[in-house]
Protein backbone atom coordinates (compact mmCIF):
# COMPACT_ATOMS: atom_id res chain seq x y z
CA MET A 1 -20.80 -10.21 2.42
CA THR A 2 -19.25 -11.07 -0.93
CA VAL A 3 -17.81 -8.57 -3.37
CA ASP A 4 -18.39 -8.86 -7.13
CA ARG A 5 -15.42 -10.36 -9.01
CA ARG A 6 -15.54 -7.66 -11.68
CA PHE A 7 -15.27 -5.03 -8.97
CA TRP A 8 -12.17 -6.71 -7.56
CA VAL A 9 -10.48 -6.78 -10.97
CA TRP A 10 -10.96 -3.07 -11.56
CA ALA A 11 -10.33 -2.05 -7.94
CA VAL A 12 -7.00 -3.87 -7.85
CA LEU A 13 -5.93 -2.90 -11.38
CA LEU A 14 -6.73 0.78 -11.02
CA GLY A 15 -5.72 0.94 -7.37
CA LEU A 16 -2.36 -0.76 -7.90
CA THR A 17 -1.53 1.23 -11.02
CA GLY A 18 -2.39 4.48 -9.27
CA GLN A 19 -0.18 3.52 -6.37
CA LEU A 20 2.69 2.78 -8.75
CA ALA A 21 2.49 6.37 -9.92
CA TRP A 22 2.13 7.68 -6.36
CA THR A 23 5.15 5.59 -5.27
CA VAL A 24 7.24 7.35 -7.88
CA GLU A 25 5.91 10.74 -6.75
CA ASN A 26 5.99 10.16 -2.99
CA MET A 27 9.24 8.25 -2.61
CA TYR A 28 11.37 7.93 -5.72
CA LEU A 29 10.99 11.53 -6.79
CA ASN A 30 12.65 12.50 -3.52
CA VAL A 31 15.47 10.05 -4.23
CA PHE A 32 15.78 11.41 -7.78
CA VAL A 33 16.11 14.97 -6.50
CA TYR A 34 18.49 13.89 -3.71
CA GLU A 35 20.77 11.98 -6.07
CA THR A 36 20.76 14.27 -9.10
CA ILE A 37 19.88 17.82 -8.00
CA THR A 38 20.24 18.66 -4.27
CA ASP A 39 20.49 16.92 -0.89
CA SER A 40 18.65 19.67 1.01
CA PRO A 41 15.97 18.13 3.26
CA MET A 42 14.04 21.41 3.11
CA VAL A 43 13.81 21.14 -0.68
CA LEU A 44 12.48 17.59 -0.29
CA ALA A 45 9.96 18.76 2.30
CA THR A 46 8.89 21.66 0.07
CA LEU A 47 8.40 19.27 -2.84
CA VAL A 48 6.13 17.06 -0.73
CA ALA A 49 4.16 19.99 0.68
CA ALA A 50 3.57 21.67 -2.71
CA SER A 51 2.25 18.47 -4.27
CA ALA A 52 -0.01 17.89 -1.26
CA VAL A 53 -1.58 21.34 -1.62
CA ALA A 54 -2.12 20.82 -5.36
CA ALA A 55 -3.62 17.36 -4.85
CA THR A 56 -5.95 18.49 -2.06
CA VAL A 57 -7.36 21.53 -3.84
CA THR A 58 -7.85 19.44 -6.97
CA THR A 59 -9.68 16.68 -5.12
CA LEU A 60 -12.05 19.18 -3.53
CA LEU A 61 -12.89 20.59 -6.97
CA ALA A 62 -12.87 17.35 -8.96
CA GLY A 63 -14.69 15.39 -6.26
CA ALA A 64 -17.59 17.82 -6.29
CA PHE A 65 -17.62 17.74 -10.10
CA SER A 66 -17.69 13.93 -10.17
CA ASP A 67 -20.66 13.90 -7.77
CA ARG A 68 -22.62 16.39 -9.85
CA SER A 69 -21.71 15.04 -13.29
CA GLY A 70 -21.66 11.33 -12.47
CA ARG A 71 -18.67 10.98 -14.84
CA ARG A 72 -16.54 8.76 -12.66
CA ARG A 73 -15.39 6.54 -15.56
CA GLU A 74 -14.30 9.42 -17.78
CA LEU A 75 -12.40 11.13 -14.98
CA ILE A 76 -10.66 7.90 -14.01
CA ALA A 77 -9.70 6.75 -17.51
CA GLY A 78 -8.79 10.12 -19.02
CA GLY A 79 -7.02 11.16 -15.85
CA TYR A 80 -4.85 8.04 -15.80
CA VAL A 81 -3.71 8.66 -19.39
CA ALA A 82 -2.68 12.26 -18.68
CA TRP A 83 -1.20 11.26 -15.30
CA GLY A 84 1.03 8.68 -16.96
CA LEU A 85 2.30 11.08 -19.61
CA CYS A 86 3.17 13.66 -16.95
CA THR A 87 5.00 11.04 -14.86
CA ALA A 88 7.19 10.17 -17.84
CA GLY A 89 8.22 13.82 -18.06
CA PHE A 90 10.24 13.78 -14.81
CA GLY A 91 13.07 11.90 -16.50
CA PHE A 92 13.75 14.82 -18.84
CA VAL A 93 14.64 17.23 -16.00
CA GLU A 94 18.42 17.21 -15.57
CA VAL A 95 20.77 19.85 -14.16
CA ASP A 96 23.12 19.59 -17.15
CA ARG A 97 20.22 19.96 -19.59
CA VAL A 98 18.90 22.98 -17.68
CA ALA A 99 22.38 24.52 -17.65
CA GLY A 100 22.58 24.13 -21.42
CA LEU A 101 19.19 25.75 -21.95
CA ALA A 102 19.67 28.61 -19.45
CA PRO A 103 23.43 29.11 -18.88
CA ALA A 104 22.92 32.51 -17.20
CA LEU A 105 20.78 31.03 -14.42
CA ASP A 106 21.56 28.80 -11.45
CA ALA A 107 20.87 25.39 -12.98
CA VAL A 108 20.15 23.72 -9.62
CA VAL A 109 17.58 26.35 -8.63
CA VAL A 110 15.90 26.19 -12.04
CA ALA A 111 15.83 22.38 -11.93
CA VAL A 112 14.24 22.45 -8.47
CA VAL A 113 11.57 24.92 -9.64
CA VAL A 114 10.80 22.82 -12.73
CA ILE A 115 10.51 19.64 -10.66
CA VAL A 116 8.19 21.31 -8.14
CA LEU A 117 5.94 22.67 -10.90
CA LEU A 118 5.86 19.37 -12.78
CA ASP A 119 5.14 17.55 -9.53
CA CYS A 120 2.19 19.86 -8.89
CA VAL A 121 0.80 19.17 -12.37
CA MET A 122 1.19 15.44 -11.83
CA SER A 123 -0.54 15.74 -8.46
CA VAL A 124 -3.46 17.58 -10.06
CA LEU A 125 -3.92 14.80 -12.62
CA GLY A 126 -3.44 11.98 -10.12
CA ALA A 127 -5.78 13.56 -7.59
CA THR A 128 -8.50 13.92 -10.22
CA ALA A 129 -8.21 10.35 -11.49
CA ASN A 130 -7.37 8.46 -8.32
CA ASP A 131 -8.30 10.41 -5.21
CA ALA A 132 -11.45 12.13 -6.44
CA ALA A 133 -12.92 9.70 -9.00
CA PHE A 134 -11.53 6.25 -8.22
CA ASN A 135 -12.04 6.45 -4.45
CA ALA A 136 -15.56 7.79 -4.92
CA TRP A 137 -16.23 4.92 -7.32
CA VAL A 138 -15.10 2.43 -4.64
CA THR A 139 -17.51 4.02 -2.14
CA ASP A 140 -20.35 3.80 -4.68
CA GLU A 141 -19.67 0.11 -5.35
CA THR A 142 -19.32 -1.09 -1.72
CA HIS A 143 -21.43 -1.12 1.47
CA PRO A 144 -20.80 -1.26 5.25
CA GLY A 145 -20.77 -5.07 5.26
CA ASN A 146 -17.69 -5.39 3.06
CA ARG A 147 -15.75 -2.14 3.32
CA GLY A 148 -13.35 -3.41 5.96
CA ARG A 149 -12.30 -6.22 3.63
CA VAL A 150 -12.11 -3.94 0.59
CA ASP A 151 -10.10 -1.25 2.36
CA GLY A 152 -7.89 -3.91 3.91
CA VAL A 153 -6.91 -4.97 0.39
CA LEU A 154 -6.64 -1.41 -0.93
CA ALA A 155 -4.38 -0.50 1.99
CA THR A 156 -1.86 -3.11 0.79
CA LEU A 157 -1.64 -1.66 -2.71
CA PRO A 158 0.76 1.22 -1.87
CA LEU A 159 3.18 -1.27 -0.38
CA LEU A 160 2.73 -3.79 -3.18
CA ALA A 161 3.37 -0.96 -5.63
CA MET A 162 6.56 -0.14 -3.76
CA LEU A 163 7.54 -3.80 -3.93
CA LEU A 164 7.00 -3.93 -7.69
CA VAL A 165 9.00 -0.76 -8.20
CA PHE A 166 11.81 -1.95 -5.93
CA GLY A 167 11.93 -5.43 -7.44
CA ALA A 168 11.57 -4.60 -11.12
CA LEU A 169 12.78 -1.04 -11.52
CA ASP A 170 15.15 -0.22 -8.66
CA PRO A 171 18.19 -1.40 -10.67
CA LEU A 172 17.40 1.37 -13.15
CA THR A 173 17.55 4.04 -10.43
CA ARG A 174 20.73 2.61 -8.96
CA GLY A 175 22.26 2.73 -12.41
CA GLY A 176 21.14 6.31 -12.93
CA HIS A 177 18.68 5.44 -15.73
CA TRP A 178 16.02 7.79 -14.41
CA GLN A 179 14.48 8.68 -17.76
CA LEU A 180 13.72 5.04 -18.55
CA PHE A 181 12.44 4.50 -15.01
CA PHE A 182 9.91 7.34 -15.20
CA SER A 183 8.92 6.39 -18.77
CA ILE A 184 8.05 2.81 -17.80
CA VAL A 185 5.85 3.79 -14.85
CA GLY A 186 4.22 6.59 -16.83
CA GLY A 187 3.58 4.34 -19.82
CA VAL A 188 1.92 1.65 -17.69
CA THR A 189 -0.31 4.24 -16.00
CA ALA A 190 -1.42 5.69 -19.34
CA LEU A 191 -2.08 2.21 -20.81
CA VAL A 192 -4.33 1.25 -17.89
CA GLY A 193 -6.24 4.48 -18.43
CA VAL A 194 -6.90 3.50 -22.05
CA VAL A 195 -8.10 0.04 -21.00
CA ALA A 196 -10.37 1.55 -18.31
CA TRP A 197 -11.99 3.84 -20.87
CA PHE A 198 -13.40 0.83 -22.68
CA GLY A 199 -13.92 -1.63 -19.82
CA LEU A 200 -14.79 0.19 -16.59
CA ARG A 201 -18.43 0.46 -15.57
CA ALA A 202 -19.79 2.82 -12.91
CA ARG A 203 -23.23 2.57 -11.35
CA ALA A 204 -25.47 5.60 -11.08
CA ALA A 205 -25.23 7.33 -7.69
CA PRO A 206 -27.49 10.00 -6.12
CA ARG A 207 -26.42 13.50 -7.15
CA PRO A 208 -26.39 16.49 -4.80
CA GLY A 209 -28.57 19.51 -5.41
CA GLY A 210 -27.58 23.15 -5.35
CA SER A 211 -24.74 24.86 -7.20
CA TYR A 212 -21.29 23.48 -8.02
CA LEU A 213 -19.60 26.03 -5.75
CA GLY A 214 -22.00 25.02 -3.00
CA SER A 215 -20.93 21.39 -3.44
CA VAL A 216 -17.26 22.36 -3.26
CA VAL A 217 -17.56 24.29 0.01
CA HIS A 218 -20.33 22.18 1.56
CA GLY A 219 -17.97 19.98 3.54
CA LEU A 220 -16.01 22.98 4.83
CA ARG A 221 -19.01 24.70 6.42
CA PRO A 222 -19.27 24.67 10.24
CA SER A 223 -22.91 23.61 9.94
CA THR A 224 -21.87 20.51 8.00
CA VAL A 225 -19.28 19.67 10.66
CA ARG A 226 -21.92 20.00 13.38
CA SER A 227 -24.30 17.76 11.42
CA ASN A 228 -21.68 15.03 10.90
CA PRO A 229 -19.41 15.11 13.97
CA ARG A 230 -18.35 11.46 13.76
CA LEU A 231 -17.17 11.83 10.16
CA TYR A 232 -14.97 14.81 11.01
CA LEU A 233 -13.54 13.18 14.13
CA VAL A 234 -12.47 10.17 12.07
CA LEU A 235 -10.90 12.52 9.52
CA ALA A 236 -9.04 14.26 12.35
CA ALA A 237 -7.72 10.90 13.53
CA TRP A 238 -6.59 10.20 9.96
CA ALA A 239 -4.71 13.52 9.94
CA VAL A 240 -2.79 12.44 13.04
CA LEU A 241 -1.85 9.04 11.63
CA GLY A 242 -0.90 10.54 8.28
CA THR A 243 1.25 13.27 9.82
CA SER A 244 3.08 10.68 11.87
CA THR A 245 3.83 8.66 8.75
CA GLN A 246 5.13 11.64 6.81
CA VAL A 247 7.69 12.41 9.51
CA PHE A 248 9.77 9.45 8.29
CA MET A 249 8.33 8.16 5.00
CA PRO A 250 9.88 10.71 2.60
CA PHE A 251 13.30 9.89 4.03
CA LEU A 252 12.90 6.11 4.48
CA ILE A 253 14.79 4.84 1.44
CA ILE A 254 17.63 7.29 2.06
CA TYR A 255 17.74 6.21 5.73
CA VAL A 256 17.99 2.50 4.89
CA GLN A 257 20.61 3.12 2.21
CA ARG A 258 22.77 5.76 3.81
CA PHE A 259 22.41 5.49 7.61
CA LEU A 260 21.88 1.76 8.03
CA ASP A 261 24.21 1.12 5.08
CA ILE A 262 22.23 -1.93 3.98
CA ASP A 263 23.18 -2.74 0.40
CA GLY A 264 20.33 -5.22 0.07
CA TYR A 265 17.74 -2.66 1.10
CA ALA A 266 15.41 -3.89 -1.66
CA VAL A 267 15.31 -7.29 0.11
CA VAL A 268 14.50 -5.58 3.40
CA LEU A 269 11.70 -3.53 1.91
CA ALA A 270 10.31 -6.48 -0.06
CA SER A 271 10.17 -8.63 3.07
CA VAL A 272 8.48 -5.88 5.06
CA LEU A 273 5.95 -5.14 2.35
CA LEU A 274 4.97 -8.77 1.76
CA GLY A 275 4.68 -9.51 5.48
CA ALA A 276 2.65 -6.39 6.22
CA ALA A 277 0.43 -6.90 3.15
CA GLY A 278 -0.47 -10.39 4.34
CA VAL A 279 -1.37 -9.09 7.78
CA SER A 280 -3.50 -6.32 6.26
CA VAL A 281 -5.49 -8.64 3.97
CA LEU A 282 -6.27 -11.00 6.84
CA GLY A 283 -6.91 -8.09 9.20
CA GLY A 284 -9.45 -6.58 6.84
CA ARG A 285 -11.81 -9.47 7.55
CA VAL A 286 -11.39 -8.86 11.27
CA LEU A 287 -12.25 -5.19 10.77
CA ASP A 288 -15.60 -6.14 9.23
CA ARG A 289 -16.38 -8.38 12.21
CA VAL A 290 -15.38 -6.05 15.07
CA GLY A 291 -16.24 -2.80 13.29
CA PRO A 292 -13.50 -0.62 11.78
CA ALA A 293 -14.09 2.28 14.19
CA SER A 294 -13.42 0.02 17.19
CA ALA A 295 -10.07 -1.08 15.73
CA ILE A 296 -8.50 2.35 15.21
CA LEU A 297 -6.77 2.65 18.61
CA PRO A 298 -5.47 -0.96 18.79
CA VAL A 299 -3.88 -0.86 15.34
CA ALA A 300 -2.44 2.61 16.04
CA GLY A 301 -0.79 1.03 19.09
CA VAL A 302 0.77 -1.65 16.90
CA TYR A 303 2.05 1.04 14.54
CA ALA A 304 3.59 3.02 17.43
CA ALA A 305 5.31 -0.11 18.72
CA GLY A 306 6.80 -0.67 15.28
CA LEU A 307 8.11 2.90 15.17
CA LEU A 308 9.88 2.48 18.50
CA ALA A 309 11.30 -0.86 17.37
CA MET A 310 12.70 0.80 14.22
CA PHE A 311 14.64 3.25 16.38
CA PHE A 312 16.66 0.40 17.88
CA ALA A 313 16.80 -1.89 14.84
CA ARG A 314 20.18 -2.40 13.20
CA GLY A 315 21.02 -5.00 10.61
CA MET A 316 18.82 -6.67 8.05
CA LEU A 317 16.75 -9.08 10.18
CA PRO A 318 15.89 -6.67 13.05
CA VAL A 319 14.89 -4.00 10.53
CA ILE A 320 12.68 -6.47 8.67
CA LEU A 321 10.88 -7.57 11.86
CA ALA A 322 10.42 -4.02 13.14
CA GLY A 323 9.32 -2.88 9.69
CA ILE A 324 6.64 -5.59 9.46
CA VAL A 325 5.16 -4.48 12.80
CA LEU A 326 5.29 -0.82 11.77
CA MET A 327 3.77 -1.26 8.31
CA SER A 328 1.15 -3.76 9.49
CA GLY A 329 -0.11 -1.29 12.07
CA PHE A 330 -0.03 1.54 9.55
CA MET A 331 -1.94 -0.33 6.83
CA LEU A 332 -4.57 -1.63 9.21
CA GLY A 333 -4.90 1.87 10.62
CA VAL A 334 -5.51 3.27 7.13
CA ALA A 335 -7.98 0.46 6.39
CA ALA A 336 -9.90 1.07 9.62
CA LEU A 337 -10.04 4.82 9.09
CA SER A 338 -10.94 4.55 5.39
CA ALA A 339 -13.73 2.04 5.98
CA THR A 340 -15.15 4.17 8.80
CA VAL A 341 -15.11 7.28 6.60
CA ARG A 342 -16.91 5.37 3.81
CA ASN A 343 -19.53 4.15 6.30
CA LEU A 344 -20.16 7.73 7.43
CA THR A 345 -20.22 9.22 3.91
CA PRO A 346 -23.60 10.60 2.70
CA ALA A 347 -24.78 8.71 -0.39
CA ASP A 348 -24.74 11.80 -2.63
CA ARG A 349 -21.40 13.18 -1.39
CA ALA A 350 -18.88 10.39 -2.08
CA GLY A 351 -16.72 12.58 -4.31
CA GLN A 352 -16.90 15.58 -2.02
CA VAL A 353 -15.83 13.52 0.99
CA GLN A 354 -12.72 12.48 -0.98
CA GLY A 355 -11.73 16.14 -0.92
CA LEU A 356 -12.15 16.24 2.86
CA ARG A 357 -10.16 13.02 3.10
CA MET A 358 -7.36 14.63 1.11
CA VAL A 359 -7.28 17.61 3.47
CA CYS A 360 -6.84 15.34 6.48
CA ALA A 361 -5.00 12.35 5.02
CA VAL A 362 -2.71 14.18 2.59
CA LEU A 363 -2.58 17.98 2.91
CA VAL A 364 -2.08 18.29 6.67
CA PRO A 365 0.27 15.26 6.93
CA MET A 366 2.40 16.17 3.91
CA VAL A 367 2.70 19.83 4.86
CA VAL A 368 3.46 19.25 8.55
CA GLY A 369 5.12 15.81 8.67
CA PRO A 370 8.07 16.24 6.28
CA PHE A 371 9.10 19.52 7.90
CA LEU A 372 9.06 17.85 11.32
CA GLY A 373 11.22 15.09 9.90
CA ALA A 374 13.52 17.58 8.20
CA ALA A 375 13.92 19.49 11.47
CA VAL A 376 14.83 16.28 13.30
CA ILE A 377 17.37 15.40 10.60
CA ALA A 378 18.89 18.89 10.61
CA GLY A 379 19.08 18.84 14.41
CA ALA A 380 20.91 15.49 14.46
CA ASP A 381 23.35 16.82 11.80
CA GLU A 382 24.53 13.38 10.63
CA THR A 383 26.47 13.44 7.35
CA PHE A 384 28.32 11.18 4.95
CA VAL A 385 30.68 11.83 2.05
CA ASP A 386 29.55 10.85 -1.45
CA LEU A 387 32.17 11.35 -4.18
CA GLY A 388 33.78 14.09 -2.15
CA VAL A 389 30.49 15.84 -1.38
CA VAL A 390 29.26 16.07 2.24
CA LYS A 391 25.54 15.21 2.44
CA GLN A 392 23.05 15.12 5.32
CA VAL A 393 21.59 11.74 6.18
CA PRO A 394 18.36 10.83 8.06
CA THR A 395 18.83 9.41 11.56
CA PRO A 396 16.78 6.96 13.71
CA TRP A 397 15.29 9.89 15.65
CA ILE A 398 12.69 10.35 12.92
CA PHE A 399 10.92 7.24 14.28
CA PRO A 400 10.43 8.36 17.93
CA ALA A 401 9.32 11.73 16.54
CA ALA A 402 6.68 9.94 14.46
CA ALA A 403 5.61 7.90 17.51
CA ALA A 404 5.18 11.08 19.56
CA VAL A 405 2.83 12.43 16.89
CA VAL A 406 0.67 9.31 16.61
CA VAL A 407 -0.05 9.31 20.35
CA LEU A 408 -2.30 12.32 19.67
CA ILE A 409 -4.75 10.03 17.83
CA VAL A 410 -6.20 9.16 21.24
CA ILE A 411 -7.91 12.57 21.39
CA PRO A 412 -10.22 12.32 18.34
CA VAL A 413 -10.86 8.59 18.81
CA LEU A 414 -12.06 9.01 22.41
CA ALA A 415 -14.21 11.95 21.29
CA LEU A 416 -15.63 9.73 18.52
CA ARG A 417 -16.65 7.11 21.07
CA ARG A 418 -18.29 9.72 23.27
CA VAL A 419 -20.28 11.20 20.38
CA ARG A 420 -21.39 7.75 19.24
CA GLN A 421 -22.59 6.88 22.75
CA GLU A 422 -24.49 10.17 22.97
CA GLU A 423 -26.16 9.53 19.61
CA GLU A 424 -27.11 5.99 20.62
CA THR A 425 -28.53 7.28 23.91
CA ARG A 426 -30.67 9.87 22.09
CA GLU A 427 -31.90 7.22 19.62
CA ASP A 428 -32.85 4.89 22.51
CA ALA A 429 -34.72 7.73 24.24
CA LEU A 430 -36.63 8.54 21.05
CA GLY A 431 -37.31 4.89 20.35
């Protein structure tokens, strides 16, 4: 079924802009800290985990509020403006500046604390605008006949955002112009929020009854889980895929730069992102035809194959080919899981389900995954010397570790199939 053109314009504009900001937070912030503050993988893992907790709690609260208030547009537009301003603030955190302001304190420790706190604030704003309000808006505006296609496109936006950042702004980071880098991304995010305030339209959706606190905790109640077993099994599968991804993703740019020693890493990443994005857009149509739930295991298999290929890949071309397989499987996996979750979402709980999605797709993966990756890196103990300083470097073992995690997705997916068959059998008996 067709999707309204106006919907596509706003979905892509808001989705891509949000992913630009998340790219800075999820990937380049780690590089910024690594290059300018500390090379400790545990600090990087802590940064990721803290932001994940902040984003998840916020989405649970803001998602319930957006359901009850119906103010999707205001939360999206106002949130994007504040999100952009906060993003611009990262560039002002420097060890030398901190040392000048607080000479009696350890400047590195203070800088790390400031970055973690600012990252949590940014995550609160981004989760409100993007995860809670924007994703609920997408659910409101779509239906089961087109969600595979829509989520297939949305799944490409994180990688397209990475491509835009790498292609247009990476020279700034390589030159150490971090303040300008963060200011550009933050300014664009805020500008889109202003435009959305005047142009975005949101249709009225059913609103849940009961109290606000009841809406917040509704999805966490055992009775709700028992009433919607398929929804929670899909969310569990998403937690497995997300955790697998976070084993290597926070360290990916550093791995390509420092372990593989590929100077043209932007070319590698651009090729991977474009190739995988094309596969995802085309695959989204297939998801609508075969059913997104049926595609979860096959695309997870493609993703696992790509991870194993990355372990052996050396040199630009092998890394590009392995990366396309890996990212294609990952994006189609996200699209299949996201579309299935939307199809199983109660009509009056779209915002609340975004909070549950954040628990499984962000909180669990970003708390568990980076620490697994950091442990693998610390265990391998590979180092290099940068301007006389010995630094740890990620190794290829992060990819088999991620593959070992994703194998666990078989458990919730097989349970999902069993529950669906049992429900269909009961419906046939009643019919």
